[in-house]
């Protein structure tokens, strides 16, 4: 019975480590382009590290870019007279 419990614990640890590795690789894939977008928008590129936060990190990045006022003004809609 103990070997079955030990085997299940070992298998769950392997699954957890696999999920962690996939998450970090996917986050690293997203960090480089979002770093450049943040810099072009006038924000610090370090904000792209929010991708490392599990589950909600990409949503934080999208919310900052979608709803924040871009310091460089690229994201502002054109004025009617322009």
C-alpha atoms as a PDB file:
ATOM      1  CA  UNK A   1       0.000   0.000   0.000  1.00  0.00           C
ATOM      2  CA  UNK A   2       2.835   2.405   0.836  1.00  0.00           C
ATOM      3  CA  UNK A   3       4.492   1.859  -2.520  1.00  0.00           C
ATOM      4  CA  UNK A   4       1.254   2.823  -4.288  1.00  0.00           C
ATOM      5  CA  UNK A   5       0.995   6.035  -2.276  1.00  0.00           C
ATOM      6  CA  UNK A   6       4.655   6.819  -2.917  1.00  0.00           C
ATOM      7  CA  UNK A   7       4.183   6.135  -6.613  1.00  0.00           C
ATOM      8  CA  UNK A   8       1.156   8.482  -6.762  1.00  0.00           C
ATOM      9  CA  UNK A   9       3.048  11.227  -4.955  1.00  0.00           C
ATOM     10  CA  UNK A  10       5.985  10.825  -7.325  1.00  0.00           C
ATOM     11  CA  UNK A  11       3.699  10.906 -10.363  1.00  0.00           C
ATOM     12  CA  UNK A  12       1.914  14.025  -9.134  1.00  0.00           C
ATOM     13  CA  UNK A  13       5.255  15.754  -8.509  1.00  0.00           C
ATOM     14  CA  UNK A  14       6.350  14.876 -12.041  1.00  0.00           C
ATOM     15  CA  UNK A  15       3.107  16.285 -13.447  1.00  0.00           C
ATOM     16  CA  UNK A  16       3.502  19.459 -11.390  1.00  0.00           C
ATOM     17  CA  UNK A  17       7.071  19.960 -12.588  1.00  0.00           C
ATOM     18  CA  UNK A  18       6.011  19.357 -16.210  1.00  0.00           C
ATOM     19  CA  UNK A  19       3.265  21.977 -15.897  1.00  0.00           C
ATOM     20  CA  UNK A  20       5.728  24.420 -14.327  1.00  0.00           C
ATOM     21  CA  UNK A  21       8.285  23.932 -17.111  1.00  0.00           C
ATOM     22  CA  UNK A  22       5.650  24.391 -19.835  1.00  0.00           C
ATOM     23  CA  UNK A  23       4.358  27.532 -18.107  1.00  0.00           C
ATOM     24  CA  UNK A  24       7.831  29.097 -17.855  1.00  0.00           C
ATOM     25  CA  UNK A  25       8.658  28.274 -21.495  1.00  0.00           C
ATOM     26  CA  UNK A  26       5.372  29.761 -22.703  1.00  0.00           C
ATOM     27  CA  UNK A  27       5.896  32.861 -20.530  1.00  0.00           C
ATOM     28  CA  UNK A  28       9.407  33.332 -21.922  1.00  0.00           C
ATOM     29  CA  UNK A  29       7.965  33.086 -25.425  1.00  0.00           C
ATOM     30  CA  UNK A  30       5.563  35.938 -24.622  1.00  0.00           C
ATOM     31  CA  UNK A  31       7.950  38.147 -22.651  1.00  0.00           C
ATOM     32  CA  UNK A  32      10.149  39.207 -25.592  1.00  0.00           C
ATOM     33  CA  UNK A  33       7.412  40.628 -27.856  1.00  0.00           C
ATOM     34  CA  UNK A  34       5.465  42.171 -24.992  1.00  0.00           C
ATOM     35  CA  UNK A  35       8.680  43.811 -23.698  1.00  0.00           C
ATOM     36  CA  UNK A  36       9.055  45.564 -27.069  1.00  0.00           C
ATOM     37  CA  UNK A  37       5.383  46.572 -27.100  1.00  0.00           C
ATOM     38  CA  UNK A  38       5.655  48.050 -23.600  1.00  0.00           C
ATOM     39  CA  UNK A  39       8.746  50.029 -24.576  1.00  0.00           C
ATOM     40  CA  UNK A  40       7.092  51.373 -27.729  1.00  0.00           C
ATOM     41  CA  UNK A  41       4.049  52.334 -25.673  1.00  0.00           C
ATOM     42  CA  UNK A  42       6.267  54.274 -23.282  1.00  0.00           C
ATOM     43  CA  UNK A  43       6.057  51.884 -20.336  1.00  0.00           C
ATOM     44  CA  UNK A  44       8.891  50.005 -18.682  1.00  0.00           C
ATOM     45  CA  UNK A  45       9.654  46.716 -20.388  1.00  0.00           C
ATOM     46  CA  UNK A  46       9.772  45.064 -16.968  1.00  0.00           C
ATOM     47  CA  UNK A  47       5.962  45.030 -16.963  1.00  0.00           C
ATOM     48  CA  UNK A  48       6.149  42.138 -19.422  1.00  0.00           C
ATOM     49  CA  UNK A  49       7.437  39.973 -16.558  1.00  0.00           C
ATOM     50  CA  UNK A  50       3.828  39.762 -15.376  1.00  0.00           C
ATOM     51  CA  UNK A  51       3.630  36.855 -17.843  1.00  0.00           C
ATOM     52  CA  UNK A  52       5.426  34.799 -15.196  1.00  0.00           C
ATOM     53  CA  UNK A  53       2.435  35.085 -12.837  1.00  0.00           C
ATOM     54  CA  UNK A  54       0.491  31.835 -13.251  1.00  0.00           C
ATOM     55  CA  UNK A  55      -3.016  31.949 -14.746  1.00  0.00           C
ATOM     56  CA  UNK A  56      -3.615  35.734 -14.587  1.00  0.00           C
ATOM     57  CA  UNK A  57      -0.295  37.154 -15.808  1.00  0.00           C
ATOM     58  CA  UNK A  58      -1.219  37.514 -19.491  1.00  0.00           C
ATOM     59  CA  UNK A  59      -4.524  39.111 -18.503  1.00  0.00           C
ATOM     60  CA  UNK A  60      -2.677  41.692 -16.394  1.00  0.00           C
ATOM     61  CA  UNK A  61      -0.445  42.526 -19.367  1.00  0.00           C
ATOM     62  CA  UNK A  62      -3.439  42.840 -21.699  1.00  0.00           C
ATOM     63  CA  UNK A  63      -5.304  45.035 -19.206  1.00  0.00           C
ATOM     64  CA  UNK A  64      -2.356  47.407 -18.838  1.00  0.00           C
ATOM     65  CA  UNK A  65      -1.995  47.751 -22.597  1.00  0.00           C
ATOM     66  CA  UNK A  66      -5.718  47.948 -23.329  1.00  0.00           C
ATOM     67  CA  UNK A  67      -6.918  50.274 -20.602  1.00  0.00           C
ATOM     68  CA  UNK A  68      -3.829  52.269 -19.636  1.00  0.00           C
ATOM     69  CA  UNK A  69      -2.941  55.672 -21.052  1.00  0.00           C
ATOM     70  CA  UNK A  70       0.124  55.130 -23.197  1.00  0.00           C
ATOM     71  CA  UNK A  71       2.769  57.735 -22.333  1.00  0.00           C
ATOM     72  CA  UNK A  72       3.893  57.979 -25.969  1.00  0.00           C
ATOM     73  CA  UNK A  73       0.328  58.440 -27.187  1.00  0.00           C
ATOM     74  CA  UNK A  74       0.414  55.799 -29.918  1.00  0.00           C
ATOM     75  CA  UNK A  75      -2.723  54.114 -28.622  1.00  0.00           C
ATOM     76  CA  UNK A  76      -4.888  57.243 -28.580  1.00  0.00           C
ATOM     77  CA  UNK A  77      -7.661  57.528 -31.142  1.00  0.00           C
ATOM     78  CA  UNK A  78      -7.312  60.273 -33.729  1.00  0.00           C
ATOM     79  CA  UNK A  79      -9.067  63.558 -32.976  1.00  0.00           C
ATOM     80  CA  UNK A  80     -11.926  64.562 -35.281  1.00  0.00           C
ATOM     81  CA  UNK A  81     -10.059  67.645 -36.567  1.00  0.00           C
ATOM     82  CA  UNK A  82      -6.761  65.837 -37.257  1.00  0.00           C
END
